[in-house]
Amino acid sequence: MPGLARDLPARLLLLDPGRGLASLARQIASMAASAGDRIRVVDIGGDILTHGDEPTLCSPFGDALTLAACHLTGVPTTVYVAGPGLDGEIGEQLLLERLPGCHPLTPDREAASAAARALAWHPSEASALWAAAVHGARGTVRSTLRLTEVSPLLYHLPLQEAIGHNPVARALVEERPATLAAAADLSHRITGIHGLEPERALTPRQEPAAGGAALLDRDVAVKSLREAAGGADHVTLRYAARVLGLTWTDIPALRDLLGTGAPLLRLG
């Protein structure tokens, strides 16, 4: 977080959901009061519009909790979907069917470049994919995603329309669970995916020592990445680091080794 605060042209404030939905809503309302009494929720990929039954859905809870909390604030709220499908949880075409009549915005390269310093090291794959799409990248990313003419676009819809798509958000608004654990249990009941258990299950694991990128041969590294990517046009730098046995903290050194300053590594 300190690195993002340093490298992004925005003021960052942390939200604490630990005391439940009502507390989260109060925090958001307080922040909105000092920032023009308007809330804008931005989701890269679009799983915030989940119906809860998509087979590739992984993490619906945080988005639903945010939608419900924003509803409780009573503050005018707009939901933005950037790069439909880029998080790999809901397909692009399915999301477009949930955004009828939305006239998308088209960010320019200058806007995307505002995040360039952060993306040079931060391991967010969805953010990197969206920035790359805005910069004109097209084609396959590994074997699971494709950058298309839709990928750079930014769609927007009213909060209530977003909640109308999201059954977990609707249930949270209706039941208003008093604790974070109860809210997560509600999400699990509806989607079969528990929002907190994956975090609780995390255990410390041995990470390779940072600095390993300096020991790699560039040609050998590129060959390994092409083999792992299975014919894809691009890979993210986070994926490249994993394939090469590095940590995300090695991403800047890996960029230097591979000679790329772009959000994605082009393999073609």
Protein backbone atom coordinates (compact mmCIF):
# COMPACT_ATOMS: atom_id res chain seq x y z
CA MET A 1 0.00 0.00 0.00
CA PRO A 2 2.77 2.55 0.69
CA GLY A 3 4.16 1.83 -2.78
CA LEU A 4 0.77 2.38 -4.41
CA ALA A 5 0.29 5.59 -2.44
CA ARG A 6 3.65 6.76 -3.76
CA ASP A 7 3.13 5.76 -7.38
CA LEU A 8 -0.54 6.50 -8.09
CA PRO A 9 -1.85 10.05 -8.66
CA ALA A 10 -4.65 9.59 -6.14
CA ARG A 11 -5.21 9.71 -2.42
CA LEU A 12 -5.70 6.19 -1.06
CA LEU A 13 -7.85 5.45 1.98
CA LEU A 14 -8.27 2.01 3.55
CA LEU A 15 -11.67 0.52 4.32
CA ASP A 16 -12.02 -1.94 7.21
CA PRO A 17 -14.88 -4.44 6.72
CA GLY A 18 -14.08 -6.28 9.94
CA ARG A 19 -17.03 -4.84 11.89
CA GLY A 20 -19.62 -5.77 9.30
CA LEU A 21 -21.79 -4.19 6.66
CA ALA A 22 -23.18 -1.23 8.60
CA SER A 23 -19.73 -0.15 9.75
CA LEU A 24 -18.38 -0.40 6.21
CA ALA A 25 -21.26 1.75 4.95
CA ARG A 26 -20.48 4.41 7.57
CA GLN A 27 -16.84 4.48 6.52
CA ILE A 28 -17.74 4.87 2.84
CA ALA A 29 -20.27 7.60 3.62
CA SER A 30 -17.68 9.49 5.65
CA MET A 31 -15.18 9.35 2.80
CA ALA A 32 -17.82 10.40 0.28
CA ALA A 33 -18.75 13.41 2.42
CA SER A 34 -15.22 14.76 2.02
CA ALA A 35 -15.06 13.98 -1.71
CA GLY A 36 -18.10 15.60 -3.28
CA ASP A 37 -20.86 13.31 -1.97
CA ARG A 38 -20.52 10.97 -4.93
CA ILE A 39 -19.31 7.36 -5.05
CA ARG A 40 -17.76 5.66 -8.04
CA VAL A 41 -17.14 1.92 -7.78
CA VAL A 42 -14.70 0.61 -10.40
CA ASP A 43 -14.40 -3.12 -11.07
CA ILE A 44 -11.90 -4.43 -13.60
CA GLY A 45 -13.26 -7.53 -15.31
CA GLY A 46 -16.91 -7.27 -14.36
CA ASP A 47 -17.53 -10.04 -11.83
CA ILE A 48 -19.34 -7.38 -9.79
CA LEU A 49 -22.28 -8.18 -12.13
CA THR A 50 -22.25 -11.86 -11.25
CA HIS A 51 -25.46 -13.86 -11.08
CA GLY A 52 -23.68 -16.19 -8.67
CA ASP A 53 -23.74 -19.32 -10.82
CA GLU A 54 -21.04 -18.76 -13.44
CA PRO A 55 -18.71 -21.81 -13.54
CA THR A 56 -15.53 -19.70 -13.55
CA LEU A 57 -16.59 -17.38 -10.71
CA CYS A 58 -13.95 -17.19 -7.96
CA SER A 59 -14.43 -14.20 -5.67
CA PRO A 60 -17.93 -12.68 -5.52
CA PHE A 61 -18.02 -11.67 -1.87
CA GLY A 62 -15.97 -8.46 -1.78
CA ASP A 63 -17.81 -6.90 -4.72
CA ALA A 64 -21.22 -7.79 -3.29
CA LEU A 65 -20.29 -6.40 0.12
CA THR A 66 -19.17 -3.15 -1.51
CA LEU A 67 -22.40 -2.79 -3.50
CA ALA A 68 -24.53 -3.41 -0.42
CA ALA A 69 -22.53 -0.98 1.71
CA CYS A 70 -22.80 1.73 -0.95
CA HIS A 71 -26.56 1.20 -1.05
CA LEU A 72 -26.79 1.69 2.71
CA THR A 73 -24.95 5.01 2.49
CA GLY A 74 -27.73 6.59 0.44
CA VAL A 75 -25.03 8.47 -1.50
CA PRO A 76 -25.47 8.63 -5.31
CA THR A 77 -23.30 5.84 -6.70
CA THR A 78 -22.21 4.79 -10.18
CA VAL A 79 -20.67 1.40 -10.91
CA TYR A 80 -18.02 1.15 -13.62
CA VAL A 81 -16.95 -2.06 -15.34
CA ALA A 82 -13.52 -1.75 -16.95
CA GLY A 83 -12.35 -4.31 -19.49
CA PRO A 84 -15.25 -6.79 -19.47
CA GLY A 85 -13.98 -10.32 -18.92
CA LEU A 86 -10.37 -9.41 -18.14
CA ASP A 87 -10.40 -11.00 -14.69
CA GLY A 88 -11.29 -14.39 -16.18
CA GLU A 89 -14.37 -14.88 -13.98
CA ILE A 90 -17.19 -14.00 -16.40
CA GLY A 91 -16.84 -14.02 -20.18
CA GLU A 92 -16.83 -10.83 -22.21
CA GLN A 93 -19.93 -11.63 -24.26
CA LEU A 94 -21.98 -12.60 -21.22
CA LEU A 95 -21.08 -9.33 -19.51
CA LEU A 96 -22.00 -7.29 -22.58
CA GLU A 97 -25.44 -8.90 -22.45
CA ARG A 98 -25.72 -7.53 -18.90
CA LEU A 99 -24.78 -4.02 -20.03
CA PRO A 100 -27.42 -3.24 -22.66
CA GLY A 101 -27.79 0.42 -23.49
CA CYS A 102 -24.59 1.36 -21.68
CA HIS A 103 -22.52 3.71 -23.80
CA PRO A 104 -18.91 2.96 -22.85
CA LEU A 105 -16.17 5.45 -22.24
CA THR A 106 -12.83 4.99 -24.02
CA PRO A 107 -9.82 5.90 -21.86
CA ASP A 108 -6.84 7.21 -23.79
CA ARG A 109 -3.23 6.15 -23.45
CA GLU A 110 -2.39 9.20 -21.36
CA ALA A 111 -4.96 8.15 -18.77
CA ALA A 112 -3.59 4.60 -18.65
CA SER A 113 -0.05 5.93 -18.35
CA ALA A 114 -0.99 7.55 -15.03
CA ALA A 115 -0.71 4.07 -13.50
CA ALA A 116 2.49 3.12 -15.33
CA ARG A 117 4.81 3.60 -12.34
CA ALA A 118 2.65 1.34 -10.16
CA LEU A 119 2.17 -1.29 -12.87
CA ALA A 120 5.94 -1.50 -13.32
CA TRP A 121 6.05 -3.52 -10.11
CA HIS A 122 2.53 -4.22 -8.84
CA PRO A 123 1.37 -7.81 -9.55
CA SER A 124 -2.29 -7.03 -10.41
CA GLU A 125 -2.94 -9.00 -13.59
CA ALA A 126 -6.37 -7.57 -14.40
CA SER A 127 -5.09 -3.99 -14.11
CA ALA A 128 -2.13 -4.80 -16.33
CA LEU A 129 -4.41 -6.37 -18.93
CA TRP A 130 -6.70 -3.34 -19.00
CA ALA A 131 -3.79 -0.91 -19.29
CA ALA A 132 -2.28 -2.99 -22.08
CA ALA A 133 -5.62 -3.05 -23.92
CA VAL A 134 -5.90 0.74 -23.64
CA HIS A 135 -2.40 0.96 -25.13
CA GLY A 136 -3.56 -1.15 -28.08
CA ALA A 137 -2.59 -4.72 -27.18
CA ARG A 138 -4.80 -7.39 -28.75
CA GLY A 139 -4.65 -11.18 -28.88
CA THR A 140 -4.54 -14.10 -26.49
CA VAL A 141 -3.15 -14.01 -22.96
CA ARG A 142 -2.13 -17.52 -21.97
CA SER A 143 -4.89 -19.87 -23.07
CA THR A 144 -7.74 -18.35 -21.09
CA LEU A 145 -8.17 -14.70 -22.07
CA ARG A 146 -8.31 -12.65 -25.25
CA LEU A 147 -7.78 -8.91 -25.60
CA THR A 148 -10.39 -7.56 -28.02
CA GLU A 149 -11.72 -4.20 -29.18
CA VAL A 150 -14.03 -4.30 -26.13
CA SER A 151 -11.17 -4.78 -23.66
CA PRO A 152 -10.16 -1.09 -23.34
CA LEU A 153 -13.70 0.13 -22.72
CA LEU A 154 -15.21 1.43 -19.48
CA TYR A 155 -18.93 0.80 -18.98
CA HIS A 156 -21.07 2.49 -16.34
CA LEU A 157 -24.44 1.82 -14.78
CA PRO A 158 -26.43 2.98 -11.74
CA LEU A 159 -25.83 1.21 -8.45
CA GLN A 160 -29.32 -0.29 -8.34
CA GLU A 161 -28.88 -1.91 -11.75
CA ALA A 162 -25.64 -3.51 -10.55
CA ILE A 163 -27.35 -4.76 -7.39
CA GLY A 164 -30.15 -6.11 -9.55
CA HIS A 165 -27.65 -8.44 -11.18
CA ASN A 166 -25.93 -9.52 -7.97
CA PRO A 167 -27.94 -11.90 -5.75
CA VAL A 168 -25.42 -11.73 -2.90
CA ALA A 169 -25.61 -7.93 -2.81
CA ARG A 170 -29.42 -8.08 -2.80
CA ALA A 171 -29.43 -10.58 0.06
CA LEU A 172 -26.97 -8.47 2.06
CA VAL A 173 -29.19 -5.41 1.64
CA GLU A 174 -32.26 -7.39 2.70
CA GLU A 175 -30.75 -9.31 5.63
CA ARG A 176 -28.11 -6.80 6.76
CA PRO A 177 -25.90 -9.28 8.66
CA ALA A 178 -24.33 -7.79 11.76
CA THR A 179 -20.84 -9.27 11.31
CA LEU A 180 -18.40 -9.88 8.49
CA ALA A 181 -18.50 -13.62 9.17
CA ALA A 182 -22.29 -13.67 8.85
CA ALA A 183 -22.07 -11.76 5.59
CA ALA A 184 -19.54 -14.24 4.24
CA ASP A 185 -21.75 -17.15 5.29
CA LEU A 186 -24.63 -15.58 3.38
CA SER A 187 -22.46 -15.31 0.27
CA HIS A 188 -21.43 -18.94 0.65
CA ARG A 189 -25.05 -20.01 0.97
CA ILE A 190 -25.95 -18.35 -2.34
CA THR A 191 -22.87 -19.04 -4.48
CA GLY A 192 -21.11 -21.96 -2.80
CA ILE A 193 -18.01 -19.75 -2.55
CA HIS A 194 -16.95 -18.56 0.89
CA GLY A 195 -15.44 -15.09 0.89
CA LEU A 196 -13.28 -15.57 3.98
CA GLU A 197 -12.25 -19.22 4.11
CA PRO A 198 -9.58 -18.92 1.36
CA GLU A 199 -7.93 -16.14 3.38
CA ARG A 200 -8.09 -18.11 6.62
CA ALA A 201 -6.62 -21.15 4.88
CA LEU A 202 -3.52 -19.31 3.75
CA THR A 203 -0.39 -20.57 5.47
CA PRO A 204 3.14 -19.22 5.26
CA ARG A 205 5.09 -20.84 2.45
CA GLN A 206 8.67 -20.72 1.41
CA GLU A 207 9.16 -18.12 -1.31
CA PRO A 208 12.18 -18.10 -3.59
CA ALA A 209 14.62 -15.41 -2.66
CA ALA A 210 14.10 -12.09 -4.43
CA GLY A 211 16.81 -11.11 -6.89
CA GLY A 212 16.73 -14.34 -8.89
CA ALA A 213 15.98 -12.54 -12.16
CA ALA A 214 19.58 -11.37 -12.33
CA LEU A 215 20.73 -15.00 -12.57
CA LEU A 216 18.55 -15.87 -15.57
CA ASP A 217 19.58 -16.07 -19.19
CA ARG A 218 17.18 -14.01 -21.31
CA ASP A 219 16.86 -16.48 -24.18
CA VAL A 220 16.27 -19.40 -21.83
CA ALA A 221 13.67 -17.39 -19.92
CA VAL A 222 11.75 -16.43 -23.07
CA LYS A 223 11.82 -20.04 -24.29
CA SER A 224 10.38 -21.23 -20.97
CA LEU A 225 7.64 -18.63 -21.10
CA ARG A 226 6.65 -19.50 -24.65
CA GLU A 227 6.42 -23.17 -23.73
CA ALA A 228 4.31 -22.42 -20.65
CA ALA A 229 2.02 -20.02 -22.51
CA GLY A 230 0.92 -22.64 -25.01
CA GLY A 231 0.97 -20.40 -28.07
CA ALA A 232 -0.57 -17.31 -26.46
CA ASP A 233 0.40 -13.89 -27.79
CA HIS A 234 1.10 -12.35 -24.37
CA VAL A 235 1.69 -13.15 -20.72
CA THR A 236 1.50 -10.91 -17.70
CA LEU A 237 4.71 -10.20 -15.83
CA ARG A 238 3.21 -11.75 -12.71
CA TYR A 239 2.62 -14.98 -14.63
CA ALA A 240 6.13 -14.80 -16.09
CA ALA A 241 7.60 -14.47 -12.61
CA ARG A 242 5.68 -17.53 -11.38
CA VAL A 243 6.76 -19.63 -14.36
CA LEU A 244 10.41 -18.70 -13.81
CA GLY A 245 10.34 -19.42 -10.09
CA LEU A 246 10.54 -15.77 -9.04
CA THR A 247 8.51 -13.64 -6.64
CA TRP A 248 6.39 -10.66 -7.61
CA THR A 249 9.09 -8.44 -6.10
CA ASP A 250 11.34 -9.58 -8.97
CA ILE A 251 9.04 -8.06 -11.59
CA PRO A 252 11.08 -4.84 -12.12
CA ALA A 253 14.31 -6.85 -12.58
CA LEU A 254 12.48 -9.27 -14.86
CA ARG A 255 11.29 -6.35 -16.99
CA ASP A 256 14.88 -5.21 -17.34
CA LEU A 257 16.03 -8.69 -18.30
CA LEU A 258 13.30 -9.09 -20.92
CA GLY A 259 13.61 -5.54 -22.19
CA THR A 260 9.96 -4.53 -21.80
CA GLY A 261 8.29 -1.51 -20.26
CA ALA A 262 4.80 -2.55 -21.34
CA PRO A 263 2.11 -3.91 -18.98
CA LEU A 264 2.31 -7.27 -20.79
CA LEU A 265 5.13 -9.28 -22.28
CA ARG A 266 4.54 -9.97 -25.98
CA LEU A 267 5.74 -13.42 -26.96
CA GLY A 268 5.20 -13.20 -30.72
